[in-house]
Amino acid sequence: MKIASEGRASILVALALCLGFSFLNIYLAALFGVVGLFLLWFYRDPEREAPNIEGAWVSPADGKVVEIERAYHPFTGEACKVGIFMSPLDVHVNRCPYDGDVAFLEYAPGKKWMAFEPKASELNERFYVGLDTKRGRAMVVQIAGFLARRISSTVNMGERLKRGDRIGMIKLGSKVDLYLPDGVNPVVKVGDRVKAGISIIGEDSFEEKA
């Protein structure tokens, strides 16, 4: 299984300590071995193939849908926001929901509230990735949680992304918000489980713009 590049250094350190302590202290060796196995599981980056369905928007994250509401951001204007909580056991690689050009990037420092709390979207450390799509402006917001200590984004301004492309990850429990353009309706409900790049989270409700 592919391992996300963000976790390779930590995994190597844990496994090296496991090997080193195997000659000195079997209990510490076992501890670092368990840590190494957990990190291997946490930083897994499975290959995903996005559905080839016209007008389908896919989930940007693995996890549980915890909110669907109207929200405002200067980049998107008022939009439908779908919030997805990622537990430490979920795959934490985030993916692009729809074809588009990266038109907005912004990092905002913040607090470490529990990621499933509604106020986390406004107060926690977060990173905004805004997209210009043929359906309008959309945005993915990576939000750090209580345990999360780092947000990693791998996209650049002006970059062309396709539906399902990797855009980064968040370490440990966290949340991702997706702002959908007007005319794209959510097809999930609160409590649903979704997978990044696979689960359809929204669908166009109008014909393709000329």
Protein backbone atom coordinates (compact mmCIF):
# COMPACT_ATOMS: atom_id res chain seq x y z
CA MET A 1 0.00 0.00 0.00
CA LYS A 2 1.23 3.48 -0.84
CA ILE A 3 2.29 5.66 2.10
CA ALA A 4 1.77 9.43 2.08
CA SER A 5 5.06 11.31 1.79
CA GLU A 6 4.19 13.42 4.85
CA GLY A 7 4.52 10.36 7.11
CA ARG A 8 7.59 8.62 5.78
CA ALA A 9 10.10 10.36 8.06
CA SER A 10 8.07 9.61 11.22
CA ILE A 11 7.63 5.98 10.20
CA LEU A 12 11.35 5.52 9.56
CA VAL A 13 12.21 7.06 12.95
CA ALA A 14 9.76 4.79 14.79
CA LEU A 15 10.98 1.66 13.01
CA ALA A 16 14.64 2.63 13.54
CA LEU A 17 14.00 3.08 17.27
CA CYS A 18 12.23 -0.27 17.35
CA LEU A 19 15.24 -1.94 15.75
CA GLY A 20 17.72 -0.09 17.97
CA PHE A 21 15.96 -0.89 21.23
CA SER A 22 15.50 -4.54 20.26
CA PHE A 23 19.09 -5.04 21.50
CA LEU A 24 18.58 -3.01 24.70
CA ASN A 25 15.00 -3.12 25.93
CA ILE A 26 12.42 -5.42 24.38
CA TYR A 27 9.52 -3.47 25.91
CA LEU A 28 10.59 -0.17 24.40
CA ALA A 29 11.27 -1.96 21.13
CA ALA A 30 7.72 -3.34 21.18
CA LEU A 31 6.33 0.12 21.98
CA PHE A 32 8.10 1.75 19.05
CA GLY A 33 7.08 -1.18 16.87
CA VAL A 34 3.42 -0.55 17.71
CA VAL A 35 3.88 3.16 17.04
CA GLY A 36 5.48 2.37 13.69
CA LEU A 37 2.60 0.08 12.71
CA PHE A 38 0.06 2.72 13.72
CA LEU A 39 1.86 5.33 11.63
CA LEU A 40 1.94 2.97 8.66
CA TRP A 41 -1.82 2.55 8.98
CA PHE A 42 -2.49 6.24 9.60
CA TYR A 43 -0.44 7.49 6.64
CA ARG A 44 -1.84 4.97 4.17
CA ASP A 45 -2.65 6.54 0.82
CA PRO A 46 -4.77 4.09 -1.19
CA GLU A 47 -5.26 4.63 -4.90
CA ARG A 48 -8.71 5.97 -5.69
CA GLU A 49 -10.50 6.26 -9.04
CA ALA A 50 -13.09 9.03 -9.14
CA PRO A 51 -16.44 8.19 -10.75
CA ASN A 52 -16.63 9.30 -14.38
CA ILE A 53 -20.07 10.86 -14.08
CA GLU A 54 -20.85 14.26 -15.58
CA GLY A 55 -21.88 16.76 -12.91
CA ALA A 56 -20.79 14.59 -9.96
CA TRP A 57 -18.85 16.18 -7.08
CA VAL A 58 -16.87 13.79 -4.92
CA SER A 59 -16.04 13.99 -1.25
CA PRO A 60 -12.74 15.74 -0.43
CA ALA A 61 -12.23 13.57 2.66
CA ASP A 62 -12.89 10.21 4.29
CA GLY A 63 -15.13 10.47 7.31
CA LYS A 64 -18.60 11.26 8.60
CA VAL A 65 -20.83 14.10 7.42
CA VAL A 66 -21.49 16.22 10.51
CA GLU A 67 -23.15 19.32 9.05
CA ILE A 68 -24.85 20.67 5.95
CA GLU A 69 -25.67 24.37 6.09
CA ARG A 70 -25.51 27.69 4.30
CA ALA A 71 -22.31 29.60 4.98
CA TYR A 72 -20.49 32.65 3.65
CA HIS A 73 -16.90 33.18 2.60
CA PRO A 74 -15.57 36.12 0.55
CA PHE A 75 -14.19 33.78 -2.13
CA THR A 76 -17.38 31.77 -2.72
CA GLY A 77 -20.04 34.11 -1.43
CA GLU A 78 -22.96 32.39 0.28
CA ALA A 79 -22.83 28.68 -0.45
CA CYS A 80 -23.89 25.26 0.74
CA LYS A 81 -21.22 23.97 3.12
CA VAL A 82 -20.79 20.26 3.82
CA GLY A 83 -18.66 19.45 6.88
CA ILE A 84 -16.87 16.09 7.16
CA PHE A 85 -15.27 14.88 10.40
CA MET A 86 -12.19 12.67 9.99
CA SER A 87 -11.39 10.37 12.91
CA PRO A 88 -7.80 9.20 13.55
CA LEU A 89 -8.74 5.88 11.91
CA ASP A 90 -9.82 7.43 8.60
CA VAL A 91 -7.55 7.91 5.59
CA HIS A 92 -6.38 11.52 5.97
CA VAL A 93 -5.37 12.28 2.37
CA ASN A 94 -7.65 14.99 0.97
CA ARG A 95 -8.78 15.13 -2.66
CA CYS A 96 -10.16 17.60 -5.17
CA PRO A 97 -13.97 17.41 -5.44
CA TYR A 98 -14.28 18.59 -9.07
CA ASP A 99 -12.22 19.73 -12.06
CA GLY A 100 -10.99 23.29 -11.64
CA ASP A 101 -8.16 25.79 -11.35
CA VAL A 102 -6.67 26.76 -7.98
CA ALA A 103 -7.63 30.42 -7.60
CA PHE A 104 -7.36 31.02 -3.86
CA LEU A 105 -4.99 29.76 -1.16
CA GLU A 106 -4.94 31.04 2.41
CA TYR A 107 -3.59 29.79 5.73
CA ALA A 108 -5.30 30.90 8.94
CA PRO A 109 -3.72 30.16 12.35
CA GLY A 110 -6.12 29.25 15.10
CA LYS A 111 -7.14 27.18 18.09
CA LYS A 112 -7.40 23.42 18.64
CA TRP A 113 -11.09 22.85 19.32
CA MET A 114 -12.48 19.36 18.75
CA ALA A 115 -12.86 19.14 14.97
CA PHE A 116 -16.52 18.07 15.05
CA GLU A 117 -17.52 21.25 16.91
CA PRO A 118 -19.25 23.77 14.58
CA LYS A 119 -17.01 26.60 15.85
CA ALA A 120 -13.94 24.69 14.65
CA SER A 121 -14.68 25.87 11.10
CA GLU A 122 -14.16 29.48 12.16
CA LEU A 123 -11.69 29.31 15.06
CA ASN A 124 -9.31 26.41 14.42
CA GLU A 125 -6.14 26.42 12.38
CA ARG A 126 -7.19 25.94 8.75
CA PHE A 127 -6.12 26.11 5.12
CA TYR A 128 -8.37 27.28 2.30
CA VAL A 129 -8.15 25.93 -1.26
CA GLY A 130 -10.44 27.82 -3.63
CA LEU A 131 -11.30 26.49 -7.08
CA ASP A 132 -12.64 28.12 -10.22
CA THR A 133 -14.79 25.47 -11.90
CA LYS A 134 -17.17 25.55 -14.86
CA ARG A 135 -19.99 25.41 -12.29
CA GLY A 136 -18.69 28.38 -10.32
CA ARG A 137 -16.44 28.87 -7.34
CA ALA A 138 -15.93 26.05 -4.85
CA MET A 139 -13.68 25.73 -1.83
CA VAL A 140 -12.14 23.01 0.31
CA VAL A 141 -11.16 23.99 3.86
CA GLN A 142 -8.73 21.75 5.75
CA ILE A 143 -9.31 22.25 9.48
CA ALA A 144 -6.97 21.04 12.22
CA GLY A 145 -8.57 19.34 15.21
CA PHE A 146 -7.72 18.75 18.86
CA LEU A 147 -5.05 16.16 18.04
CA ALA A 148 -4.04 17.42 14.61
CA ARG A 149 -0.74 19.24 14.58
CA ARG A 150 -0.12 19.96 10.94
CA ILE A 151 -2.03 20.74 7.77
CA SER A 152 -0.24 19.81 4.56
CA SER A 153 -1.31 21.28 1.21
CA THR A 154 0.32 20.14 -2.03
CA VAL A 155 -1.32 22.51 -4.52
CA ASN A 156 -0.18 25.81 -6.04
CA MET A 157 -1.94 28.90 -7.34
CA GLY A 158 -3.06 28.47 -10.93
CA GLU A 159 -2.66 24.69 -10.86
CA ARG A 160 -5.20 22.72 -12.86
CA LEU A 161 -6.78 19.93 -10.82
CA LYS A 162 -9.00 17.05 -11.79
CA ARG A 163 -11.73 15.43 -9.75
CA GLY A 164 -10.10 13.03 -7.29
CA ASP A 165 -6.58 14.52 -7.42
CA ARG A 166 -4.68 14.61 -4.12
CA ILE A 167 -4.52 18.10 -2.59
CA GLY A 168 -2.90 17.39 0.81
CA MET A 169 -3.63 15.87 4.19
CA ILE A 170 -4.20 16.67 7.86
CA LYS A 171 -2.39 14.76 10.60
CA LEU A 172 -4.68 13.03 13.14
CA GLY A 173 -8.31 13.87 13.89
CA SER A 174 -9.57 16.77 11.83
CA LYS A 175 -12.33 18.18 9.65
CA VAL A 176 -12.82 19.22 6.04
CA ASP A 177 -15.47 21.66 4.82
CA LEU A 178 -16.60 21.75 1.20
CA TYR A 179 -18.31 24.86 -0.18
CA LEU A 180 -20.43 23.93 -3.21
CA PRO A 181 -21.32 26.40 -5.98
CA ASP A 182 -24.95 27.45 -6.44
CA GLY A 183 -26.73 24.89 -8.57
CA VAL A 184 -24.83 21.97 -7.06
CA ASN A 185 -27.00 20.14 -4.55
CA PRO A 186 -25.69 17.89 -1.77
CA VAL A 187 -26.79 14.27 -2.10
CA VAL A 188 -25.60 13.22 1.35
CA LYS A 189 -27.14 13.75 4.77
CA VAL A 190 -25.74 14.25 8.25
CA GLY A 191 -24.47 10.93 9.58
CA ASP A 192 -23.46 9.50 6.21
CA ARG A 193 -19.99 7.97 5.80
CA VAL A 194 -18.02 9.13 2.77
CA LYS A 195 -14.68 8.38 1.11
CA ALA A 196 -12.42 10.93 -0.56
CA GLY A 197 -12.40 10.82 -4.33
CA ILE A 198 -15.03 8.06 -4.49
CA SER A 199 -18.25 9.04 -2.73
CA ILE A 200 -20.50 11.41 -4.67
CA ILE A 201 -21.32 14.28 -2.35
CA GLY A 202 -23.09 16.67 -4.73
CA GLU A 203 -24.72 16.78 -8.16
CA ASP A 204 -25.41 19.55 -10.65
CA SER A 205 -29.04 20.61 -10.80
CA PHE A 206 -28.75 22.51 -14.08
CA GLU A 207 -27.43 22.07 -17.58
CA GLU A 208 -23.77 22.77 -18.28
CA LYS A 209 -23.05 26.44 -18.82
CA ALA A 210 -22.03 27.47 -22.33
